[in-house]
Amino acid sequence: MEHILKYKKDDNSIEINLCKSAPAQIKPLPIIYELIKYWKKKGYREIIDVGCGKLRNSLVLVEHFYVWICDFSEQFDKLCIKDRLSKLKKNPNFKGIIYPDEFKNGKLNADAAFLSFVIHTIPEKHLRIQLIESTIKNLKPPHEIFIAVPYRVSYYKNKMTEANRFNDGFLFNAGHGQKTFYREYSSSQIDNFMSELGFRVDRIFHADKRIMRCYYIDK
């Protein structure tokens, strides 16, 4: 998967830049310490932050686990990200960066994966499936994956119109002629998506305007 995806819509060329989908805020997920406690109780030691974006969660996870981060090299070009990455690299628990082309080869053997605000930004279902399948390859059984997606956020809801509908979601302007993609999942829809790939719900976390679950493969 490339960070820029090109499509046609109504005879117009469209560029979707996946790197521009990363949330601007720097605060980690509100339930992250609850998740950390849960994974520590399970004895997990090594985590992959898949689609780590601006490292807002990586910098917390690395204080408690050995952490790999996975994202496009273009994601780390901005000065603010370079500063955070430099801080991350100074932590002895930081294992390194793995880029998407390497990630699909399944070289890691981590305990669990963390996908926060990632799945819903990918504009095609088969690409979402490819990402989950690559993640499975990099995990030990039971292949535990934490997924968080936004839900009923007014910022997005007010922009979801027929005019910007694309595939199973919507396109938003990202500047310089590029777009980002947003797909609203309900809890049952994200559960069904993971169920189709062989996963079961392991743990549900509760927070406003977010759907967050741990999934595992029961085999």
N, C-alpha and C. Protein backbone atom coordinates (compact mmCIF):
# COMPACT_ATOMS: atom_id res chain seq x y z
N MET A 1 0.85 -1.20 0.00
CA MET A 1 0.00 0.00 0.00
C MET A 1 0.88 1.25 0.00
N GLU A 2 0.58 2.19 -0.87
CA GLU A 2 1.28 3.47 -0.92
C GLU A 2 0.55 4.50 -0.06
N HIS A 3 1.26 5.56 0.33
CA HIS A 3 0.60 6.56 1.17
C HIS A 3 -0.30 7.48 0.36
N ILE A 4 -0.10 7.55 -0.96
CA ILE A 4 -0.99 8.30 -1.83
C ILE A 4 -1.69 7.33 -2.77
N LEU A 5 -3.01 7.33 -2.73
CA LEU A 5 -3.82 6.45 -3.57
C LEU A 5 -4.55 7.30 -4.60
N LYS A 6 -4.53 6.87 -5.85
CA LYS A 6 -5.12 7.65 -6.93
C LYS A 6 -6.35 6.95 -7.49
N TYR A 7 -7.42 7.75 -7.69
CA TYR A 7 -8.69 7.22 -8.17
C TYR A 7 -9.30 8.19 -9.18
N LYS A 8 -10.39 7.73 -9.80
CA LYS A 8 -11.22 8.57 -10.65
C LYS A 8 -12.61 8.66 -10.04
N LYS A 9 -13.19 9.86 -10.05
CA LYS A 9 -14.56 10.06 -9.61
C LYS A 9 -15.22 11.08 -10.53
N ASP A 10 -16.25 10.64 -11.23
CA ASP A 10 -16.96 11.54 -12.15
C ASP A 10 -15.98 12.20 -13.13
N ASP A 11 -15.10 11.39 -13.67
CA ASP A 11 -14.10 11.84 -14.65
C ASP A 11 -13.04 12.78 -14.06
N ASN A 12 -13.03 12.94 -12.75
CA ASN A 12 -12.01 13.75 -12.09
C ASN A 12 -10.98 12.85 -11.41
N SER A 13 -9.72 13.28 -11.44
CA SER A 13 -8.67 12.54 -10.74
C SER A 13 -8.69 12.91 -9.26
N ILE A 14 -8.51 11.90 -8.40
CA ILE A 14 -8.53 12.11 -6.95
C ILE A 14 -7.26 11.52 -6.36
N GLU A 15 -6.62 12.26 -5.47
CA GLU A 15 -5.48 11.76 -4.70
C GLU A 15 -5.87 11.72 -3.23
N ILE A 16 -5.82 10.54 -2.64
CA ILE A 16 -6.07 10.39 -1.20
C ILE A 16 -4.73 10.19 -0.51
N ASN A 17 -4.40 11.09 0.38
CA ASN A 17 -3.13 11.02 1.11
C ASN A 17 -3.39 10.44 2.50
N LEU A 18 -3.00 9.20 2.69
CA LEU A 18 -3.25 8.53 3.97
C LEU A 18 -2.50 9.19 5.12
N CYS A 19 -1.37 9.82 4.84
CA CYS A 19 -0.60 10.46 5.90
C CYS A 19 -1.32 11.67 6.49
N LYS A 20 -2.20 12.26 5.71
CA LYS A 20 -2.92 13.44 6.19
C LYS A 20 -4.15 13.08 7.03
N SER A 21 -4.37 11.78 7.22
CA SER A 21 -5.50 11.34 8.04
C SER A 21 -5.15 11.26 9.52
N ALA A 22 -3.87 11.35 9.85
CA ALA A 22 -3.46 11.22 11.25
C ALA A 22 -4.04 12.35 12.08
N PRO A 23 -4.67 12.04 13.23
CA PRO A 23 -5.27 13.09 14.07
C PRO A 23 -4.26 14.15 14.46
N ALA A 24 -4.69 15.40 14.49
CA ALA A 24 -3.79 16.52 14.80
C ALA A 24 -3.45 16.58 16.28
N GLN A 25 -4.32 16.09 17.14
CA GLN A 25 -4.10 16.21 18.58
C GLN A 25 -2.92 15.35 19.03
N ILE A 26 -2.32 15.74 20.15
CA ILE A 26 -1.16 15.01 20.65
C ILE A 26 -1.50 14.17 21.88
N LYS A 27 -2.71 14.32 22.41
CA LYS A 27 -3.10 13.54 23.58
C LYS A 27 -3.36 12.08 23.16
N PRO A 28 -2.94 11.11 23.96
CA PRO A 28 -3.21 9.71 23.63
C PRO A 28 -4.68 9.37 23.85
N LEU A 29 -5.07 8.19 23.41
CA LEU A 29 -6.44 7.73 23.66
C LEU A 29 -6.74 7.78 25.15
N PRO A 30 -7.94 8.16 25.52
CA PRO A 30 -8.26 8.30 26.94
C PRO A 30 -8.23 6.99 27.73
N ILE A 31 -8.39 5.86 27.05
CA ILE A 31 -8.41 4.58 27.77
C ILE A 31 -7.06 3.85 27.68
N ILE A 32 -6.02 4.53 27.23
CA ILE A 32 -4.79 3.81 26.94
C ILE A 32 -4.19 3.14 28.18
N TYR A 33 -4.33 3.78 29.35
CA TYR A 33 -3.76 3.18 30.56
C TYR A 33 -4.58 1.96 31.00
N GLU A 34 -5.86 1.99 30.72
CA GLU A 34 -6.70 0.82 30.99
C GLU A 34 -6.27 -0.35 30.09
N LEU A 35 -5.98 -0.05 28.83
CA LEU A 35 -5.50 -1.07 27.90
C LEU A 35 -4.14 -1.59 28.32
N ILE A 36 -3.25 -0.71 28.72
CA ILE A 36 -1.92 -1.12 29.17
C ILE A 36 -2.03 -2.07 30.35
N LYS A 37 -2.86 -1.72 31.30
CA LYS A 37 -3.05 -2.58 32.48
C LYS A 37 -3.58 -3.95 32.05
N TYR A 38 -4.50 -3.96 31.11
CA TYR A 38 -5.10 -5.20 30.63
C TYR A 38 -4.06 -6.08 29.94
N TRP A 39 -3.25 -5.48 29.08
CA TRP A 39 -2.24 -6.26 28.38
C TRP A 39 -1.12 -6.73 29.30
N LYS A 40 -0.77 -5.92 30.29
CA LYS A 40 0.25 -6.35 31.25
C LYS A 40 -0.24 -7.54 32.06
N LYS A 41 -1.52 -7.53 32.41
CA LYS A 41 -2.10 -8.65 33.14
C LYS A 41 -2.02 -9.93 32.33
N LYS A 42 -2.08 -9.81 31.01
CA LYS A 42 -1.96 -10.97 30.12
C LYS A 42 -0.51 -11.40 29.92
N GLY A 43 0.41 -10.61 30.41
CA GLY A 43 1.82 -10.94 30.26
C GLY A 43 2.44 -10.47 28.97
N TYR A 44 1.76 -9.60 28.24
CA TYR A 44 2.30 -9.10 26.98
C TYR A 44 3.49 -8.18 27.25
N ARG A 45 4.49 -8.28 26.37
CA ARG A 45 5.70 -7.49 26.55
C ARG A 45 6.05 -6.65 25.32
N GLU A 46 5.64 -7.12 24.12
CA GLU A 46 6.05 -6.44 22.89
C GLU A 46 4.83 -6.08 22.05
N ILE A 47 4.72 -4.80 21.69
CA ILE A 47 3.54 -4.26 21.01
C ILE A 47 3.96 -3.59 19.70
N ILE A 48 3.09 -3.66 18.71
CA ILE A 48 3.29 -2.91 17.46
C ILE A 48 2.23 -1.82 17.38
N ASP A 49 2.67 -0.57 17.23
CA ASP A 49 1.75 0.54 16.99
C ASP A 49 1.63 0.69 15.47
N VAL A 50 0.56 0.12 14.91
CA VAL A 50 0.37 0.07 13.45
C VAL A 50 -0.37 1.33 13.00
N GLY A 51 0.23 2.07 12.07
CA GLY A 51 -0.34 3.36 11.70
C GLY A 51 -0.14 4.34 12.83
N CYS A 52 1.09 4.44 13.31
CA CYS A 52 1.40 5.20 14.53
C CYS A 52 1.18 6.70 14.38
N GLY A 53 1.12 7.19 13.13
CA GLY A 53 0.79 8.59 12.90
C GLY A 53 1.75 9.56 13.56
N LYS A 54 1.23 10.41 14.41
CA LYS A 54 2.02 11.45 15.06
C LYS A 54 2.58 10.99 16.41
N LEU A 55 2.55 9.70 16.66
CA LEU A 55 3.22 9.06 17.82
C LEU A 55 2.57 9.41 19.16
N ARG A 56 1.34 9.90 19.14
CA ARG A 56 0.71 10.32 20.40
C ARG A 56 0.49 9.14 21.35
N ASN A 57 0.27 7.94 20.80
CA ASN A 57 0.11 6.76 21.65
C ASN A 57 1.42 6.00 21.83
N SER A 58 2.28 6.05 20.84
CA SER A 58 3.56 5.35 20.92
C SER A 58 4.38 5.81 22.13
N LEU A 59 4.35 7.12 22.38
CA LEU A 59 5.15 7.68 23.46
C LEU A 59 4.67 7.23 24.84
N VAL A 60 3.42 6.81 24.93
CA VAL A 60 2.90 6.25 26.18
C VAL A 60 3.18 4.75 26.24
N LEU A 61 2.90 4.05 25.16
CA LEU A 61 3.09 2.60 25.13
C LEU A 61 4.53 2.20 25.43
N VAL A 62 5.49 3.00 24.95
CA VAL A 62 6.90 2.65 25.09
C VAL A 62 7.38 2.74 26.55
N GLU A 63 6.61 3.40 27.39
CA GLU A 63 6.94 3.45 28.82
C GLU A 63 6.57 2.16 29.53
N HIS A 64 5.84 1.28 28.84
CA HIS A 64 5.34 0.06 29.49
C HIS A 64 5.65 -1.23 28.72
N PHE A 65 5.95 -1.11 27.43
CA PHE A 65 6.23 -2.29 26.60
C PHE A 65 7.40 -2.01 25.68
N TYR A 66 7.97 -3.10 25.14
CA TYR A 66 8.82 -2.94 23.97
C TYR A 66 7.91 -2.59 22.80
N VAL A 67 8.28 -1.57 22.03
CA VAL A 67 7.36 -1.05 21.01
C VAL A 67 8.04 -0.94 19.64
N TRP A 68 7.37 -1.52 18.65
CA TRP A 68 7.66 -1.26 17.24
C TRP A 68 6.64 -0.24 16.74
N ILE A 69 7.04 0.62 15.81
CA ILE A 69 6.08 1.49 15.17
C ILE A 69 6.07 1.22 13.67
N CYS A 70 4.88 1.32 13.07
CA CYS A 70 4.72 1.07 11.65
C CYS A 70 3.93 2.20 11.01
N ASP A 71 4.53 2.81 9.99
CA ASP A 71 3.83 3.83 9.21
C ASP A 71 4.69 4.13 7.98
N PHE A 72 4.16 4.98 7.11
CA PHE A 72 4.91 5.38 5.92
C PHE A 72 6.06 6.31 6.31
N SER A 73 7.16 6.21 5.58
CA SER A 73 8.30 7.09 5.87
C SER A 73 7.92 8.56 5.76
N GLU A 74 6.98 8.86 4.85
CA GLU A 74 6.53 10.25 4.67
C GLU A 74 5.85 10.81 5.92
N GLN A 75 5.36 9.93 6.77
CA GLN A 75 4.67 10.38 7.98
C GLN A 75 5.62 11.08 8.95
N PHE A 76 6.91 10.75 8.85
CA PHE A 76 7.88 11.25 9.83
C PHE A 76 8.64 12.48 9.34
N ASP A 77 8.21 13.09 8.24
CA ASP A 77 8.95 14.20 7.64
C ASP A 77 8.79 15.52 8.40
N LYS A 78 7.64 15.73 9.04
CA LYS A 78 7.39 17.01 9.71
C LYS A 78 8.28 17.16 10.95
N LEU A 79 8.64 18.42 11.22
CA LEU A 79 9.56 18.70 12.33
C LEU A 79 9.02 18.21 13.66
N CYS A 80 7.71 18.43 13.92
CA CYS A 80 7.14 18.01 15.20
C CYS A 80 7.21 16.49 15.37
N ILE A 81 7.08 15.75 14.27
CA ILE A 81 7.17 14.30 14.34
C ILE A 81 8.61 13.87 14.56
N LYS A 82 9.53 14.55 13.92
CA LYS A 82 10.95 14.22 14.10
C LYS A 82 11.36 14.39 15.55
N ASP A 83 10.86 15.44 16.19
CA ASP A 83 11.18 15.68 17.60
C ASP A 83 10.62 14.56 18.48
N ARG A 84 9.39 14.17 18.21
CA ARG A 84 8.78 13.08 19.00
C ARG A 84 9.48 11.76 18.73
N LEU A 85 9.84 11.52 17.46
CA LEU A 85 10.54 10.29 17.12
C LEU A 85 11.91 10.23 17.80
N SER A 86 12.58 11.37 17.87
CA SER A 86 13.87 11.43 18.56
C SER A 86 13.71 11.06 20.03
N LYS A 87 12.66 11.56 20.65
CA LYS A 87 12.37 11.22 22.05
C LYS A 87 12.07 9.73 22.20
N LEU A 88 11.30 9.19 21.25
CA LEU A 88 10.94 7.77 21.29
C LEU A 88 12.18 6.90 21.19
N LYS A 89 13.10 7.27 20.31
CA LYS A 89 14.30 6.47 20.07
C LYS A 89 15.23 6.43 21.28
N LYS A 90 15.11 7.42 22.15
CA LYS A 90 15.95 7.46 23.35
C LYS A 90 15.47 6.49 24.42
N ASN A 91 14.24 6.00 24.28
CA ASN A 91 13.71 5.05 25.27
C ASN A 91 14.26 3.66 24.98
N PRO A 92 14.84 2.98 25.96
CA PRO A 92 15.42 1.65 25.72
C PRO A 92 14.39 0.60 25.30
N ASN A 93 13.10 0.88 25.50
CA ASN A 93 12.05 -0.07 25.09
C ASN A 93 11.69 0.06 23.61
N PHE A 94 12.21 1.08 22.94
CA PHE A 94 11.88 1.27 21.53
C PHE A 94 12.64 0.26 20.68
N LYS A 95 11.88 -0.52 19.89
CA LYS A 95 12.48 -1.57 19.08
C LYS A 95 12.86 -1.10 17.69
N GLY A 96 12.09 -0.15 17.13
CA GLY A 96 12.42 0.35 15.81
C GLY A 96 11.20 0.64 14.96
N ILE A 97 11.48 1.11 13.74
CA ILE A 97 10.44 1.41 12.76
C ILE A 97 10.38 0.29 11.74
N ILE A 98 9.17 -0.12 11.40
CA ILE A 98 8.99 -1.04 10.29
C ILE A 98 8.00 -0.40 9.31
N TYR A 99 8.41 -0.30 8.07
CA TYR A 99 7.60 0.37 7.06
C TYR A 99 6.64 -0.63 6.41
N PRO A 100 5.55 -0.14 5.81
CA PRO A 100 4.53 -1.04 5.27
C PRO A 100 5.04 -2.13 4.33
N ASP A 101 6.01 -1.81 3.47
CA ASP A 101 6.54 -2.82 2.55
C ASP A 101 7.20 -3.98 3.28
N GLU A 102 7.85 -3.67 4.42
CA GLU A 102 8.47 -4.71 5.24
C GLU A 102 7.42 -5.43 6.10
N PHE A 103 6.46 -4.65 6.57
CA PHE A 103 5.46 -5.17 7.50
C PHE A 103 4.68 -6.34 6.91
N LYS A 104 4.38 -6.27 5.63
CA LYS A 104 3.59 -7.31 4.99
C LYS A 104 4.33 -8.64 4.92
N ASN A 105 5.67 -8.62 5.17
CA ASN A 105 6.45 -9.86 5.14
C ASN A 105 6.42 -10.61 6.46
N GLY A 106 5.85 -10.00 7.50
CA GLY A 106 5.65 -10.70 8.77
C GLY A 106 6.92 -11.04 9.50
N LYS A 107 7.83 -10.10 9.65
CA LYS A 107 9.12 -10.37 10.28
C LYS A 107 9.09 -10.29 11.80
N LEU A 108 8.07 -9.66 12.37
CA LEU A 108 8.02 -9.48 13.81
C LEU A 108 7.30 -10.66 14.46
N ASN A 109 7.39 -10.73 15.78
CA ASN A 109 6.73 -11.79 16.54
C ASN A 109 6.22 -11.20 17.85
N ALA A 110 5.44 -10.12 17.70
CA ALA A 110 4.99 -9.36 18.87
C ALA A 110 3.77 -10.00 19.52
N ASP A 111 3.44 -9.51 20.72
CA ASP A 111 2.32 -10.06 21.48
C ASP A 111 0.98 -9.49 21.04
N ALA A 112 0.96 -8.22 20.64
CA ALA A 112 -0.31 -7.58 20.28
C ALA A 112 -0.04 -6.38 19.39
N ALA A 113 -1.08 -5.93 18.71
CA ALA A 113 -0.97 -4.76 17.84
C ALA A 113 -2.00 -3.71 18.24
N PHE A 114 -1.64 -2.46 18.05
CA PHE A 114 -2.45 -1.31 18.43
C PHE A 114 -2.76 -0.52 17.16
N LEU A 115 -4.04 -0.47 16.76
CA LEU A 115 -4.46 0.27 15.57
C LEU A 115 -5.47 1.33 15.98
N SER A 116 -5.01 2.53 16.18
CA SER A 116 -5.87 3.61 16.63
C SER A 116 -6.13 4.60 15.50
N PHE A 117 -7.41 4.75 15.12
CA PHE A 117 -7.83 5.68 14.07
C PHE A 117 -7.09 5.42 12.76
N VAL A 118 -7.11 4.16 12.34
CA VAL A 118 -6.40 3.74 11.12
C VAL A 118 -7.36 3.13 10.11
N ILE A 119 -8.08 2.08 10.52
CA ILE A 119 -8.91 1.30 9.60
C ILE A 119 -9.89 2.18 8.83
N HIS A 120 -10.52 3.12 9.50
CA HIS A 120 -11.57 3.93 8.88
C HIS A 120 -11.04 4.95 7.88
N THR A 121 -9.70 5.13 7.79
CA THR A 121 -9.12 6.10 6.86
C THR A 121 -8.71 5.46 5.54
N ILE A 122 -8.86 4.16 5.42
CA ILE A 122 -8.43 3.43 4.22
C ILE A 122 -9.63 3.27 3.29
N PRO A 123 -9.55 3.74 2.04
CA PRO A 123 -10.74 3.88 1.20
C PRO A 123 -11.26 2.62 0.52
N GLU A 124 -10.59 1.48 0.68
CA GLU A 124 -11.07 0.25 0.06
C GLU A 124 -11.03 -0.89 1.06
N LYS A 125 -12.09 -1.70 1.07
CA LYS A 125 -12.16 -2.79 2.03
C LYS A 125 -11.02 -3.78 1.85
N HIS A 126 -10.66 -4.08 0.61
CA HIS A 126 -9.61 -5.09 0.41
C HIS A 126 -8.26 -4.60 0.94
N LEU A 127 -8.04 -3.28 0.96
CA LEU A 127 -6.81 -2.74 1.54
C LEU A 127 -6.84 -2.82 3.06
N ARG A 128 -8.02 -2.63 3.65
CA ARG A 128 -8.15 -2.80 5.10
C ARG A 128 -7.86 -4.25 5.49
N ILE A 129 -8.40 -5.16 4.68
CA ILE A 129 -8.17 -6.59 4.93
C ILE A 129 -6.68 -6.91 4.82
N GLN A 130 -6.02 -6.37 3.81
CA GLN A 130 -4.59 -6.60 3.64
C GLN A 130 -3.81 -6.13 4.86
N LEU A 131 -4.19 -4.98 5.42
CA LEU A 131 -3.50 -4.47 6.60
C LEU A 131 -3.68 -5.40 7.80
N ILE A 132 -4.91 -5.88 8.02
CA ILE A 132 -5.14 -6.80 9.13
C ILE A 132 -4.40 -8.11 8.90
N GLU A 133 -4.39 -8.61 7.69
CA GLU A 133 -3.67 -9.86 7.38
C GLU A 133 -2.17 -9.69 7.60
N SER A 134 -1.62 -8.54 7.23
CA SER A 134 -0.20 -8.28 7.49
C SER A 134 0.07 -8.20 8.99
N THR A 135 -0.86 -7.60 9.72
CA THR A 135 -0.71 -7.50 11.17
C THR A 135 -0.70 -8.88 11.81
N ILE A 136 -1.59 -9.76 11.37
CA ILE A 136 -1.64 -11.13 11.88
C ILE A 136 -0.28 -11.81 11.72
N LYS A 137 0.34 -11.63 10.57
CA LYS A 137 1.63 -12.27 10.29
C LYS A 137 2.72 -11.86 11.27
N ASN A 138 2.56 -10.66 11.86
CA ASN A 138 3.58 -10.12 12.75
C ASN A 138 3.29 -10.38 14.23
N LEU A 139 2.26 -11.18 14.51
CA LEU A 139 1.85 -11.43 15.89
C LEU A 139 1.92 -12.90 16.26
N LYS A 140 2.14 -13.16 17.53
CA LYS A 140 2.01 -14.50 18.09
C LYS A 140 0.53 -14.81 18.28
N PRO A 141 0.16 -16.09 18.28
CA PRO A 141 -1.21 -16.44 18.69
C PRO A 141 -1.45 -15.92 20.11
N PRO A 142 -2.63 -15.43 20.43
CA PRO A 142 -3.88 -15.45 19.67
C PRO A 142 -4.07 -14.26 18.73
N HIS A 143 -2.97 -13.62 18.28
CA HIS A 143 -3.02 -12.53 17.30
C HIS A 143 -3.94 -11.39 17.78
N GLU A 144 -3.66 -10.90 18.96
CA GLU A 144 -4.55 -9.88 19.54
C GLU A 144 -4.32 -8.51 18.91
N ILE A 145 -5.42 -7.87 18.50
CA ILE A 145 -5.38 -6.55 17.87
C ILE A 145 -6.36 -5.63 18.57
N PHE A 146 -5.87 -4.47 18.99
CA PHE A 146 -6.74 -3.41 19.52
C PHE A 146 -7.07 -2.47 18.37
N ILE A 147 -8.36 -2.16 18.21
CA ILE A 147 -8.80 -1.25 17.17
C ILE A 147 -9.65 -0.15 17.79
N ALA A 148 -9.37 1.09 17.39
CA ALA A 148 -10.19 2.24 17.78
C ALA A 148 -10.59 2.99 16.52
N VAL A 149 -11.87 3.34 16.44
CA VAL A 149 -12.37 4.19 15.34
C VAL A 149 -13.27 5.26 15.94
N PRO A 150 -13.31 6.45 15.32
CA PRO A 150 -14.22 7.49 15.83
C PRO A 150 -15.66 7.15 15.49
N TYR A 151 -16.58 7.70 16.27
CA TYR A 151 -17.99 7.38 16.06
C TYR A 151 -18.85 8.59 16.42
N ARG A 152 -19.66 9.02 15.45
CA ARG A 152 -20.59 10.14 15.65
C ARG A 152 -19.89 11.41 16.15
N VAL A 153 -18.74 11.69 15.58
CA VAL A 153 -18.03 12.93 15.88
C VAL A 153 -18.63 14.04 15.02
N SER A 154 -19.06 15.12 15.62
CA SER A 154 -19.77 16.17 14.88
C SER A 154 -18.91 16.76 13.77
N TYR A 155 -17.60 16.86 13.99
CA TYR A 155 -16.70 17.41 12.97
C TYR A 155 -16.85 16.65 11.66
N TYR A 156 -16.92 15.33 11.74
CA TYR A 156 -17.07 14.52 10.54
C TYR A 156 -18.53 14.47 10.07
N LYS A 157 -19.43 14.31 11.01
CA LYS A 157 -20.83 14.13 10.67
C LYS A 157 -21.37 15.29 9.83
N ASN A 158 -20.96 16.49 10.17
CA ASN A 158 -21.45 17.67 9.45
C ASN A 158 -20.91 17.77 8.03
N LYS A 159 -19.88 16.98 7.72
CA LYS A 159 -19.27 17.02 6.39
C LYS A 159 -19.61 15.80 5.54
N MET A 160 -20.38 14.87 6.10
CA MET A 160 -20.71 13.66 5.37
C MET A 160 -21.96 13.91 4.54
N THR A 161 -21.74 14.32 3.30
CA THR A 161 -22.84 14.66 2.40
C THR A 161 -22.77 13.78 1.15
N GLU A 162 -23.83 13.77 0.39
CA GLU A 162 -23.85 12.99 -0.85
C GLU A 162 -22.80 13.50 -1.84
N ALA A 163 -22.52 14.77 -1.79
CA ALA A 163 -21.57 15.36 -2.74
C ALA A 163 -20.16 14.81 -2.57
N ASN A 164 -19.79 14.43 -1.34
CA ASN A 164 -18.43 13.93 -1.13
C ASN A 164 -18.39 12.44 -0.78
N ARG A 165 -19.47 11.74 -1.10
CA ARG A 165 -19.48 10.29 -0.88
C ARG A 165 -18.51 9.61 -1.82
N PHE A 166 -17.79 8.61 -1.30
CA PHE A 166 -16.83 7.85 -2.10
C PHE A 166 -16.71 6.44 -1.54
N ASN A 167 -16.88 5.44 -2.41
CA ASN A 167 -16.90 4.04 -1.96
C ASN A 167 -17.88 3.88 -0.79
N ASP A 168 -17.42 3.34 0.34
CA ASP A 168 -18.32 3.18 1.49
C ASP A 168 -18.13 4.27 2.53
N GLY A 169 -17.55 5.40 2.10
CA GLY A 169 -17.32 6.50 3.03
C GLY A 169 -17.39 7.85 2.35
N PHE A 170 -16.55 8.77 2.80
CA PHE A 170 -16.60 10.15 2.33
C PHE A 170 -15.20 10.71 2.16
N LEU A 171 -15.09 11.68 1.25
CA LEU A 171 -13.83 12.37 1.01
C LEU A 171 -13.87 13.75 1.65
N PHE A 172 -12.75 14.12 2.30
CA PHE A 172 -12.60 15.45 2.86
C PHE A 172 -11.39 16.13 2.24
N ASN A 173 -11.46 17.43 2.05
CA ASN A 173 -10.33 18.17 1.52
C ASN A 173 -9.16 18.18 2.50
N ALA A 174 -7.95 17.95 1.94
CA ALA A 174 -6.76 17.91 2.79
C ALA A 174 -5.72 18.94 2.36
N GLY A 175 -6.08 19.81 1.43
CA GLY A 175 -5.15 20.83 0.96
C GLY A 175 -4.29 20.34 -0.18
N HIS A 176 -3.82 21.29 -1.00
CA HIS A 176 -2.94 20.99 -2.13
C HIS A 176 -3.58 19.99 -3.09
N GLY A 177 -4.90 20.07 -3.23
CA GLY A 177 -5.60 19.22 -4.17
C GLY A 177 -5.78 17.78 -3.73
N GLN A 178 -5.40 17.47 -2.51
CA GLN A 178 -5.50 16.09 -2.00
C GLN A 178 -6.70 15.92 -1.08
N LYS A 179 -7.04 14.67 -0.85
CA LYS A 179 -8.18 14.31 -0.01
C LYS A 179 -7.74 13.35 1.10
N THR A 180 -8.60 13.29 2.11
CA THR A 180 -8.53 12.19 3.07
C THR A 180 -9.85 11.44 2.99
N PHE A 181 -9.85 10.21 3.51
CA PHE A 181 -11.03 9.36 3.46
C PHE A 181 -11.51 9.08 4.88
N TYR A 182 -12.83 9.03 5.04
CA TYR A 182 -13.42 8.72 6.34
C TYR A 182 -14.57 7.75 6.14
N ARG A 183 -14.53 6.65 6.88
CA ARG A 183 -15.60 5.65 6.83
C ARG A 183 -16.13 5.47 8.24
N GLU A 184 -17.40 5.78 8.45
CA GLU A 184 -18.00 5.66 9.78
C GLU A 184 -18.39 4.22 10.05
N TYR A 185 -17.84 3.63 11.09
CA TYR A 185 -18.20 2.28 11.52
C TYR A 185 -19.06 2.35 12.78
N SER A 186 -20.10 1.55 12.83
CA SER A 186 -20.79 1.30 14.09
C SER A 186 -20.07 0.16 14.78
N SER A 187 -20.42 -0.10 16.03
CA SER A 187 -19.77 -1.19 16.75
C SER A 187 -20.03 -2.53 16.08
N SER A 188 -21.27 -2.76 15.61
CA SER A 188 -21.59 -4.04 14.96
C SER A 188 -20.86 -4.17 13.63
N GLN A 189 -20.69 -3.07 12.92
CA GLN A 189 -20.00 -3.12 11.63
C GLN A 189 -18.52 -3.45 11.78
N ILE A 190 -17.86 -2.85 12.75
CA ILE A 190 -16.43 -3.16 12.94
C ILE A 190 -16.27 -4.58 13.49
N ASP A 191 -17.20 -5.01 14.32
CA ASP A 191 -17.17 -6.39 14.81
C ASP A 191 -17.35 -7.38 13.66
N ASN A 192 -18.28 -7.09 12.76
CA ASN A 192 -18.52 -7.97 11.62
C ASN A 192 -17.31 -8.01 10.69
N PHE A 193 -16.69 -6.85 10.48
CA PHE A 193 -15.49 -6.80 9.64
C PHE A 193 -14.40 -7.71 10.20
N MET A 194 -14.16 -7.63 11.51
CA MET A 194 -13.13 -8.47 12.12
C MET A 194 -13.55 -9.94 12.18
N SER A 195 -14.85 -10.17 12.37
CA SER A 195 -15.36 -11.55 12.40
C SER A 195 -15.13 -12.25 11.07
N GLU A 196 -15.29 -11.52 9.97
CA GLU A 196 -15.05 -12.10 8.65
C GLU A 196 -13.60 -12.56 8.48
N LEU A 197 -12.70 -11.99 9.27
CA LEU A 197 -11.29 -12.36 9.21
C LEU A 197 -10.92 -13.37 10.28
N GLY A 198 -11.92 -13.88 10.99
CA GLY A 198 -11.69 -14.93 11.98
C GLY A 198 -11.52 -14.46 13.40
N PHE A 199 -11.77 -13.17 13.68
CA PHE A 199 -11.56 -12.62 15.02
C PHE A 199 -12.83 -12.63 15.86
N ARG A 200 -12.63 -12.71 17.15
CA ARG A 200 -13.71 -12.55 18.13
C ARG A 200 -13.38 -11.38 19.05
N VAL A 201 -14.41 -10.76 19.60
CA VAL A 201 -14.20 -9.66 20.55
C VAL A 201 -13.64 -10.21 21.85
N ASP A 202 -12.57 -9.61 22.33
CA ASP A 202 -11.94 -10.03 23.58
C ASP A 202 -12.27 -9.07 24.72
N ARG A 203 -12.28 -7.78 24.42
CA ARG A 203 -12.53 -6.79 25.46
C ARG A 203 -13.07 -5.52 24.83
N ILE A 204 -14.10 -4.94 25.42
CA ILE A 204 -14.69 -3.69 24.95
C ILE A 204 -14.29 -2.58 25.92
N PHE A 205 -13.80 -1.47 25.37
CA PHE A 205 -13.46 -0.30 26.17
C PHE A 205 -14.45 0.81 25.86
N HIS A 206 -14.77 1.60 26.85
CA HIS A 206 -15.82 2.62 26.69
C HIS A 206 -15.24 4.02 26.81
N ALA A 207 -15.54 4.84 25.80
CA ALA A 207 -15.18 6.27 25.81
C ALA A 207 -16.10 6.98 24.84
N ASP A 208 -16.34 8.25 25.10
CA ASP A 208 -17.26 9.02 24.28
C ASP A 208 -16.74 9.18 22.85
N LYS A 209 -17.63 8.97 21.88
CA LYS A 209 -17.36 9.21 20.46
C LYS A 209 -16.23 8.35 19.91
N ARG A 210 -16.04 7.18 20.49
CA ARG A 210 -15.05 6.24 20.00
C ARG A 210 -15.57 4.82 20.20
N ILE A 211 -15.24 3.95 19.24
CA ILE A 211 -15.50 2.52 19.40
C ILE A 211 -14.15 1.85 19.54
N MET A 212 -13.96 1.11 20.64
CA MET A 212 -12.64 0.55 20.93
C MET A 212 -12.80 -0.88 21.44
N ARG A 213 -12.07 -1.81 20.79
CA ARG A 213 -12.14 -3.20 21.16
C ARG A 213 -10.78 -3.89 21.00
N CYS A 214 -10.58 -4.94 21.78
CA CYS A 214 -9.52 -5.90 21.52
C CYS A 214 -10.14 -7.11 20.85
N TYR A 215 -9.49 -7.61 19.81
CA TYR A 215 -9.95 -8.80 19.09
C TYR A 215 -8.87 -9.86 19.13
N TYR A 216 -9.27 -11.13 19.03
CA TYR A 216 -8.29 -12.22 18.96
C TYR A 216 -8.86 -13.31 18.08
N ILE A 217 -7.97 -14.17 17.62
CA ILE A 217 -8.38 -15.32 16.81
C ILE A 217 -8.43 -16.54 17.70
N ASP A 218 -9.56 -17.20 17.73
CA ASP A 218 -9.80 -18.33 18.63
C ASP A 218 -9.41 -19.64 17.95
N LYS A 219 -8.09 -19.84 17.81
CA LYS A 219 -7.62 -21.11 17.24
C LYS A 219 -6.15 -21.30 17.59
